[in-house]
């Protein structure tokens, strides 16, 4: 019986340690995310999901983060640092609302933004609360 209680105590301690480590990690990620967002000084920011980027045909990595609009750029900053998308505002060629992008469909409207830089076009789709309002902001 004493061995069982000792083992249960060790397991409970390990579980608490793992939960504490996960909470610390989430707090650090959020703090880093807020710092990266603040560096871009957005006029408007909203939580969003990166649905896809056209130039990333192979990986099509989705991401959770923030869609930001500043006077000089449109940016998507991922919660987990890695695949941020920053587009100079003067290179944006269109913004539309659609339920499909790159042959994939969504159960909700997507904000689809296209841009051209140095003769190369690209596009990305984002899940945001009000895609039509974002389209108007980019017009």
N, C-alpha and C. Protein backbone atom coordinates (compact mmCIF):
# COMPACT_ATOMS: atom_id res chain seq x y z
N UNK A 1 0.82 -1.20 0.00
CA UNK A 1 0.00 0.00 0.00
C UNK A 1 0.87 1.26 0.00
N UNK A 2 1.96 1.25 0.79
CA UNK A 2 2.85 2.41 0.82
C UNK A 2 3.51 2.65 -0.53
N UNK A 3 3.84 1.57 -1.23
CA UNK A 3 4.46 1.68 -2.56
C UNK A 3 3.47 2.30 -3.54
N UNK A 4 2.22 1.88 -3.48
CA UNK A 4 1.18 2.40 -4.37
C UNK A 4 0.99 3.90 -4.14
N UNK A 5 0.92 4.32 -2.89
CA UNK A 5 0.77 5.74 -2.58
C UNK A 5 1.99 6.54 -3.04
N UNK A 6 3.16 5.99 -2.91
CA UNK A 6 4.37 6.66 -3.37
C UNK A 6 4.35 6.83 -4.89
N UNK A 7 3.98 5.78 -5.59
CA UNK A 7 3.91 5.84 -7.05
C UNK A 7 2.85 6.85 -7.49
N UNK A 8 1.68 6.82 -6.87
CA UNK A 8 0.62 7.78 -7.20
C UNK A 8 1.07 9.21 -6.91
N UNK A 9 1.77 9.41 -5.83
CA UNK A 9 2.29 10.74 -5.51
C UNK A 9 3.29 11.22 -6.56
N UNK A 10 4.16 10.33 -7.00
CA UNK A 10 5.14 10.68 -8.03
C UNK A 10 4.46 11.01 -9.36
N UNK A 11 3.47 10.21 -9.72
CA UNK A 11 2.73 10.45 -10.97
C UNK A 11 2.00 11.79 -10.89
N UNK A 12 1.33 12.05 -9.77
CA UNK A 12 0.61 13.31 -9.61
C UNK A 12 1.58 14.49 -9.67
N UNK A 13 2.73 14.36 -9.06
CA UNK A 13 3.74 15.42 -9.10
C UNK A 13 4.24 15.66 -10.52
N UNK A 14 4.45 14.59 -11.26
CA UNK A 14 4.89 14.71 -12.65
C UNK A 14 3.83 15.39 -13.51
N UNK A 15 2.58 15.01 -13.32
CA UNK A 15 1.48 15.64 -14.08
C UNK A 15 1.41 17.13 -13.77
N UNK A 16 1.50 17.50 -12.51
CA UNK A 16 1.48 18.92 -12.14
C UNK A 16 2.66 19.67 -12.74
N UNK A 17 3.81 19.05 -12.76
CA UNK A 17 5.00 19.67 -13.36
C UNK A 17 4.80 19.90 -14.86
N UNK A 18 4.24 18.92 -15.54
CA UNK A 18 3.99 19.06 -16.98
C UNK A 18 2.95 20.14 -17.27
N UNK A 19 1.90 20.21 -16.47
CA UNK A 19 0.88 21.24 -16.64
C UNK A 19 1.48 22.63 -16.40
N UNK A 20 2.28 22.76 -15.37
CA UNK A 20 2.93 24.04 -15.08
C UNK A 20 3.85 24.46 -16.23
N UNK A 21 4.60 23.51 -16.78
CA UNK A 21 5.49 23.82 -17.90
C UNK A 21 4.69 24.26 -19.12
N UNK A 22 3.56 23.63 -19.37
CA UNK A 22 2.71 24.02 -20.51
C UNK A 22 2.15 25.42 -20.32
N UNK A 23 1.72 25.75 -19.12
CA UNK A 23 1.19 27.09 -18.84
C UNK A 23 2.28 28.14 -19.04
N UNK A 24 3.46 27.89 -18.55
CA UNK A 24 4.58 28.82 -18.73
C UNK A 24 4.86 29.03 -20.22
N UNK A 25 4.84 27.96 -21.00
CA UNK A 25 5.09 28.05 -22.45
C UNK A 25 4.04 28.91 -23.13
N UNK A 26 2.78 28.72 -22.80
CA UNK A 26 1.69 29.50 -23.40
C UNK A 26 1.84 30.98 -23.04
N UNK A 27 2.15 31.26 -21.79
CA UNK A 27 2.34 32.66 -21.37
C UNK A 27 3.49 33.30 -22.15
N UNK A 28 4.59 32.58 -22.31
CA UNK A 28 5.73 33.12 -23.08
C UNK A 28 5.36 33.35 -24.53
N UNK A 29 4.64 32.41 -25.15
CA UNK A 29 4.23 32.57 -26.55
C UNK A 29 3.36 33.80 -26.73
N UNK A 30 2.41 33.98 -25.83
CA UNK A 30 1.52 35.15 -25.92
C UNK A 30 2.30 36.45 -25.73
N UNK A 31 3.23 36.47 -24.79
CA UNK A 31 4.03 37.66 -24.56
C UNK A 31 4.87 38.00 -25.79
N UNK A 32 5.51 36.99 -26.38
CA UNK A 32 6.31 37.20 -27.59
C UNK A 32 5.44 37.67 -28.74
N UNK A 33 4.25 37.09 -28.85
CA UNK A 33 3.32 37.48 -29.92
C UNK A 33 2.91 38.94 -29.76
N UNK A 34 2.55 39.34 -28.56
CA UNK A 34 2.16 40.74 -28.33
C UNK A 34 3.31 41.69 -28.67
N UNK A 35 4.54 41.30 -28.33
CA UNK A 35 5.71 42.13 -28.64
C UNK A 35 5.90 42.28 -30.15
N UNK A 36 5.77 41.16 -30.88
CA UNK A 36 5.95 41.21 -32.33
C UNK A 36 4.85 42.03 -32.99
N UNK A 37 3.63 41.94 -32.47
CA UNK A 37 2.52 42.75 -33.00
C UNK A 37 2.79 44.23 -32.73
N UNK A 38 3.19 44.57 -31.52
CA UNK A 38 3.44 45.97 -31.15
C UNK A 38 4.54 46.59 -32.01
N UNK A 39 5.54 45.81 -32.38
CA UNK A 39 6.62 46.34 -33.22
C UNK A 39 6.11 46.83 -34.57
N UNK A 40 5.03 46.25 -35.07
CA UNK A 40 4.47 46.65 -36.36
C UNK A 40 3.51 47.84 -36.25
N UNK A 41 3.19 48.25 -35.05
CA UNK A 41 2.33 49.41 -34.79
C UNK A 41 1.07 49.43 -35.68
N UNK A 42 0.20 48.44 -35.53
CA UNK A 42 -0.98 48.39 -36.40
C UNK A 42 -2.03 49.42 -36.04
N UNK A 43 -2.77 49.85 -37.06
CA UNK A 43 -3.93 50.71 -36.84
C UNK A 43 -5.15 49.85 -36.50
N UNK A 44 -5.14 48.63 -37.04
CA UNK A 44 -6.23 47.69 -36.77
C UNK A 44 -5.63 46.30 -36.63
N UNK A 45 -6.09 45.54 -35.65
CA UNK A 45 -5.60 44.18 -35.43
C UNK A 45 -6.76 43.30 -35.00
N UNK A 46 -6.70 42.06 -35.45
CA UNK A 46 -7.76 41.12 -35.12
C UNK A 46 -7.19 39.70 -35.11
N UNK A 47 -7.70 38.87 -34.23
CA UNK A 47 -7.30 37.47 -34.25
C UNK A 47 -7.74 36.87 -35.56
N UNK A 48 -6.90 36.00 -36.13
CA UNK A 48 -7.20 35.42 -37.43
C UNK A 48 -6.52 34.08 -37.58
N UNK A 49 -6.90 33.39 -38.63
CA UNK A 49 -6.26 32.13 -39.01
C UNK A 49 -5.76 32.29 -40.44
N UNK A 50 -4.51 31.97 -40.65
CA UNK A 50 -3.96 31.95 -42.01
C UNK A 50 -4.46 30.67 -42.66
N UNK A 51 -5.30 30.80 -43.68
CA UNK A 51 -5.87 29.64 -44.36
C UNK A 51 -4.86 29.03 -45.32
N UNK A 52 -4.19 29.88 -46.10
CA UNK A 52 -3.16 29.39 -47.03
C UNK A 52 -2.49 30.58 -47.71
N UNK A 53 -1.27 30.34 -48.22
CA UNK A 53 -0.54 31.31 -49.04
C UNK A 53 -0.27 30.62 -50.38
N UNK A 54 -0.60 31.29 -51.47
CA UNK A 54 -0.50 30.68 -52.79
C UNK A 54 0.91 30.20 -53.11
N UNK A 55 1.93 30.96 -52.76
CA UNK A 55 3.30 30.59 -53.10
C UNK A 55 3.81 29.39 -52.30
N UNK A 56 3.09 28.98 -51.28
CA UNK A 56 3.47 27.81 -50.47
C UNK A 56 2.67 26.58 -50.89
N UNK A 57 2.63 26.31 -52.16
CA UNK A 57 1.81 25.21 -52.68
C UNK A 57 2.12 23.87 -52.03
N UNK A 58 3.37 23.63 -51.69
CA UNK A 58 3.75 22.32 -51.16
C UNK A 58 3.30 22.14 -49.71
N UNK A 59 3.56 23.11 -48.86
CA UNK A 59 3.30 22.92 -47.43
C UNK A 59 1.91 23.35 -47.01
N UNK A 60 1.42 24.46 -47.53
CA UNK A 60 0.11 25.00 -47.15
C UNK A 60 -0.10 24.99 -45.65
N UNK A 61 0.86 25.54 -44.92
CA UNK A 61 0.80 25.58 -43.47
C UNK A 61 -0.23 26.61 -43.03
N UNK A 62 -1.12 26.20 -42.16
CA UNK A 62 -2.06 27.13 -41.55
C UNK A 62 -1.43 27.70 -40.30
N UNK A 63 -1.97 28.79 -39.82
CA UNK A 63 -1.44 29.37 -38.61
C UNK A 63 -2.47 30.19 -37.88
N UNK A 64 -2.37 30.19 -36.57
CA UNK A 64 -3.24 31.02 -35.73
C UNK A 64 -2.42 32.23 -35.33
N UNK A 65 -3.04 33.40 -35.37
CA UNK A 65 -2.31 34.60 -35.00
C UNK A 65 -3.18 35.84 -35.09
N UNK A 66 -2.56 36.92 -35.55
CA UNK A 66 -3.25 38.21 -35.66
C UNK A 66 -3.04 38.78 -37.06
N UNK A 67 -4.12 39.29 -37.64
CA UNK A 67 -4.04 40.01 -38.89
C UNK A 67 -3.98 41.49 -38.54
N UNK A 68 -2.97 42.18 -39.07
CA UNK A 68 -2.71 43.57 -38.71
C UNK A 68 -2.77 44.44 -39.95
N UNK A 69 -3.29 45.63 -39.78
CA UNK A 69 -3.28 46.60 -40.87
C UNK A 69 -2.66 47.89 -40.36
N UNK A 70 -1.57 48.29 -40.98
CA UNK A 70 -0.90 49.54 -40.64
C UNK A 70 -0.91 50.45 -41.85
N UNK A 71 -0.38 51.65 -41.72
CA UNK A 71 -0.38 52.58 -42.85
C UNK A 71 0.50 52.10 -44.01
N UNK A 72 1.48 51.25 -43.71
CA UNK A 72 2.41 50.82 -44.74
C UNK A 72 2.36 49.34 -45.05
N UNK A 73 1.58 48.56 -44.32
CA UNK A 73 1.63 47.12 -44.52
C UNK A 73 0.35 46.42 -44.05
N UNK A 74 0.17 45.22 -44.57
CA UNK A 74 -0.78 44.25 -44.07
C UNK A 74 0.10 43.11 -43.57
N UNK A 75 -0.15 42.63 -42.39
CA UNK A 75 0.72 41.58 -41.84
C UNK A 75 -0.11 40.55 -41.09
N UNK A 76 0.34 39.31 -41.20
CA UNK A 76 -0.20 38.25 -40.37
C UNK A 76 0.94 37.76 -39.49
N UNK A 77 0.77 37.89 -38.19
CA UNK A 77 1.80 37.49 -37.22
C UNK A 77 1.29 36.24 -36.52
N UNK A 78 2.02 35.14 -36.70
CA UNK A 78 1.60 33.88 -36.11
C UNK A 78 1.79 33.89 -34.60
N UNK A 79 0.95 33.14 -33.91
CA UNK A 79 1.09 33.02 -32.45
C UNK A 79 2.42 32.35 -32.11
N UNK A 80 2.72 31.29 -32.82
CA UNK A 80 4.01 30.62 -32.65
C UNK A 80 4.94 31.20 -33.72
N UNK A 81 5.99 31.87 -33.30
CA UNK A 81 6.89 32.54 -34.24
C UNK A 81 7.32 31.57 -35.34
N UNK A 82 7.32 32.08 -36.55
CA UNK A 82 7.72 31.24 -37.66
C UNK A 82 7.32 31.82 -38.99
N UNK A 83 6.10 31.57 -39.41
CA UNK A 83 5.67 31.92 -40.76
C UNK A 83 4.80 33.17 -40.77
N UNK A 84 5.39 34.33 -40.48
CA UNK A 84 4.66 35.59 -40.58
C UNK A 84 4.57 36.00 -42.05
N UNK A 85 3.51 36.69 -42.40
CA UNK A 85 3.32 37.20 -43.76
C UNK A 85 3.22 38.72 -43.65
N UNK A 86 4.13 39.43 -44.29
CA UNK A 86 4.12 40.90 -44.28
C UNK A 86 4.07 41.38 -45.72
N UNK A 87 3.05 42.16 -46.04
CA UNK A 87 2.83 42.64 -47.40
C UNK A 87 2.79 44.17 -47.38
N UNK A 88 3.69 44.84 -48.11
CA UNK A 88 3.58 46.30 -48.21
C UNK A 88 2.22 46.67 -48.78
N UNK A 89 1.57 47.63 -48.17
CA UNK A 89 0.21 48.00 -48.58
C UNK A 89 0.14 48.47 -50.02
N UNK A 90 1.18 49.15 -50.49
CA UNK A 90 1.14 49.65 -51.86
C UNK A 90 1.32 48.55 -52.91
N UNK A 91 1.58 47.31 -52.48
CA UNK A 91 1.69 46.20 -53.43
C UNK A 91 0.40 45.38 -53.52
N UNK A 92 -0.57 45.67 -52.63
CA UNK A 92 -1.84 44.94 -52.64
C UNK A 92 -2.61 45.32 -53.91
N UNK A 93 -2.99 44.30 -54.69
CA UNK A 93 -3.70 44.55 -55.94
C UNK A 93 -5.20 44.28 -55.81
N UNK A 94 -5.59 43.44 -54.86
CA UNK A 94 -7.03 43.22 -54.65
C UNK A 94 -7.28 42.57 -53.29
N UNK A 95 -8.51 42.75 -52.84
CA UNK A 95 -9.00 42.08 -51.63
C UNK A 95 -10.43 41.66 -51.92
N UNK A 96 -10.73 40.40 -51.66
CA UNK A 96 -12.06 39.90 -51.96
C UNK A 96 -12.49 38.93 -50.86
N UNK A 97 -13.74 38.54 -50.93
CA UNK A 97 -14.30 37.58 -49.99
C UNK A 97 -14.71 36.35 -50.78
N UNK A 98 -14.30 35.18 -50.32
CA UNK A 98 -14.60 33.94 -51.01
C UNK A 98 -14.66 32.80 -50.00
N UNK A 99 -15.27 31.71 -50.40
CA UNK A 99 -15.29 30.51 -49.55
C UNK A 99 -14.30 29.46 -50.05
N UNK A 100 -13.59 29.77 -51.14
CA UNK A 100 -12.60 28.84 -51.67
C UNK A 100 -11.30 29.58 -51.93
N UNK A 101 -10.20 28.82 -51.81
CA UNK A 101 -8.88 29.37 -52.11
C UNK A 101 -7.96 28.20 -52.41
N UNK A 102 -7.25 28.28 -53.51
CA UNK A 102 -6.28 27.26 -53.90
C UNK A 102 -6.90 25.86 -53.95
N UNK A 103 -8.14 25.79 -54.43
CA UNK A 103 -8.80 24.50 -54.56
C UNK A 103 -9.34 23.92 -53.27
N UNK A 104 -9.24 24.66 -52.19
CA UNK A 104 -9.76 24.21 -50.89
C UNK A 104 -10.94 25.09 -50.52
N UNK A 105 -11.92 24.50 -49.88
CA UNK A 105 -13.08 25.29 -49.47
C UNK A 105 -13.14 25.42 -47.96
N UNK A 106 -13.90 26.43 -47.55
CA UNK A 106 -14.06 26.72 -46.13
C UNK A 106 -15.54 26.83 -45.83
N UNK A 107 -15.91 26.51 -44.62
CA UNK A 107 -17.30 26.63 -44.21
C UNK A 107 -17.70 28.07 -43.90
N UNK A 108 -16.74 28.99 -43.97
CA UNK A 108 -17.03 30.40 -43.72
C UNK A 108 -16.30 31.26 -44.75
N UNK A 109 -16.73 32.50 -44.84
CA UNK A 109 -16.08 33.42 -45.78
C UNK A 109 -14.63 33.66 -45.39
N UNK A 110 -13.79 33.80 -46.41
CA UNK A 110 -12.37 34.09 -46.24
C UNK A 110 -12.05 35.45 -46.84
N UNK A 111 -11.11 36.14 -46.25
CA UNK A 111 -10.54 37.34 -46.86
C UNK A 111 -9.40 36.87 -47.75
N UNK A 112 -9.50 37.14 -49.04
CA UNK A 112 -8.46 36.74 -49.99
C UNK A 112 -7.77 38.02 -50.47
N UNK A 113 -6.46 38.10 -50.23
CA UNK A 113 -5.68 39.28 -50.59
C UNK A 113 -4.63 38.87 -51.62
N UNK A 114 -4.54 39.64 -52.70
CA UNK A 114 -3.51 39.41 -53.70
C UNK A 114 -2.58 40.60 -53.74
N UNK A 115 -1.33 40.37 -54.08
CA UNK A 115 -0.35 41.44 -54.17
C UNK A 115 0.69 41.09 -55.23
N UNK A 116 1.40 42.11 -55.66
CA UNK A 116 2.47 41.92 -56.64
C UNK A 116 3.69 42.70 -56.19
N UNK A 117 4.81 41.99 -56.12
CA UNK A 117 6.07 42.59 -55.70
C UNK A 117 7.14 42.19 -56.70
N UNK A 118 7.83 43.18 -57.25
CA UNK A 118 8.93 42.94 -58.19
C UNK A 118 8.50 42.02 -59.32
N UNK A 119 7.29 42.24 -59.83
CA UNK A 119 6.79 41.46 -60.95
C UNK A 119 6.24 40.10 -60.60
N UNK A 120 6.29 39.71 -59.34
CA UNK A 120 5.78 38.41 -58.92
C UNK A 120 4.51 38.58 -58.09
N UNK A 121 3.48 37.86 -58.49
CA UNK A 121 2.21 37.93 -57.77
C UNK A 121 2.12 36.84 -56.72
N UNK A 122 1.35 37.09 -55.69
CA UNK A 122 1.10 36.11 -54.64
C UNK A 122 -0.26 36.43 -54.04
N UNK A 123 -0.76 35.52 -53.23
CA UNK A 123 -2.06 35.71 -52.59
C UNK A 123 -2.09 34.91 -51.30
N UNK A 124 -2.97 35.32 -50.42
CA UNK A 124 -3.18 34.60 -49.16
C UNK A 124 -4.64 34.73 -48.78
N UNK A 125 -5.11 33.75 -48.04
CA UNK A 125 -6.49 33.77 -47.54
C UNK A 125 -6.45 33.69 -46.02
N UNK A 126 -7.34 34.46 -45.39
CA UNK A 126 -7.39 34.55 -43.94
C UNK A 126 -8.82 34.35 -43.45
N UNK A 127 -8.96 33.65 -42.34
CA UNK A 127 -10.25 33.57 -41.66
C UNK A 127 -10.27 34.67 -40.61
N UNK A 128 -11.18 35.62 -40.78
CA UNK A 128 -11.34 36.72 -39.84
C UNK A 128 -12.82 36.86 -39.51
N UNK A 129 -13.12 37.61 -38.46
CA UNK A 129 -14.50 37.77 -38.03
C UNK A 129 -15.40 38.41 -39.07
N UNK A 130 -14.91 39.44 -39.75
CA UNK A 130 -15.72 40.16 -40.75
C UNK A 130 -14.87 40.42 -41.99
N UNK A 131 -14.80 39.44 -42.90
CA UNK A 131 -13.96 39.61 -44.09
C UNK A 131 -14.35 40.80 -44.95
N UNK A 132 -15.65 41.11 -45.02
CA UNK A 132 -16.09 42.24 -45.83
C UNK A 132 -15.56 43.56 -45.29
N UNK A 133 -15.49 43.70 -43.97
CA UNK A 133 -14.93 44.93 -43.38
C UNK A 133 -13.45 45.04 -43.69
N UNK A 134 -12.72 43.92 -43.65
CA UNK A 134 -11.30 43.95 -44.01
C UNK A 134 -11.13 44.32 -45.48
N UNK A 135 -11.99 43.79 -46.34
CA UNK A 135 -11.93 44.13 -47.76
C UNK A 135 -12.08 45.64 -47.94
N UNK A 136 -13.01 46.24 -47.22
CA UNK A 136 -13.23 47.68 -47.32
C UNK A 136 -12.02 48.46 -46.78
N UNK A 137 -11.41 47.99 -45.72
CA UNK A 137 -10.22 48.66 -45.17
C UNK A 137 -9.07 48.66 -46.18
N UNK A 138 -8.99 47.61 -46.98
CA UNK A 138 -7.90 47.49 -47.96
C UNK A 138 -8.20 48.17 -49.28
N UNK A 139 -9.45 48.59 -49.47
CA UNK A 139 -9.84 49.23 -50.74
C UNK A 139 -9.21 50.58 -50.93
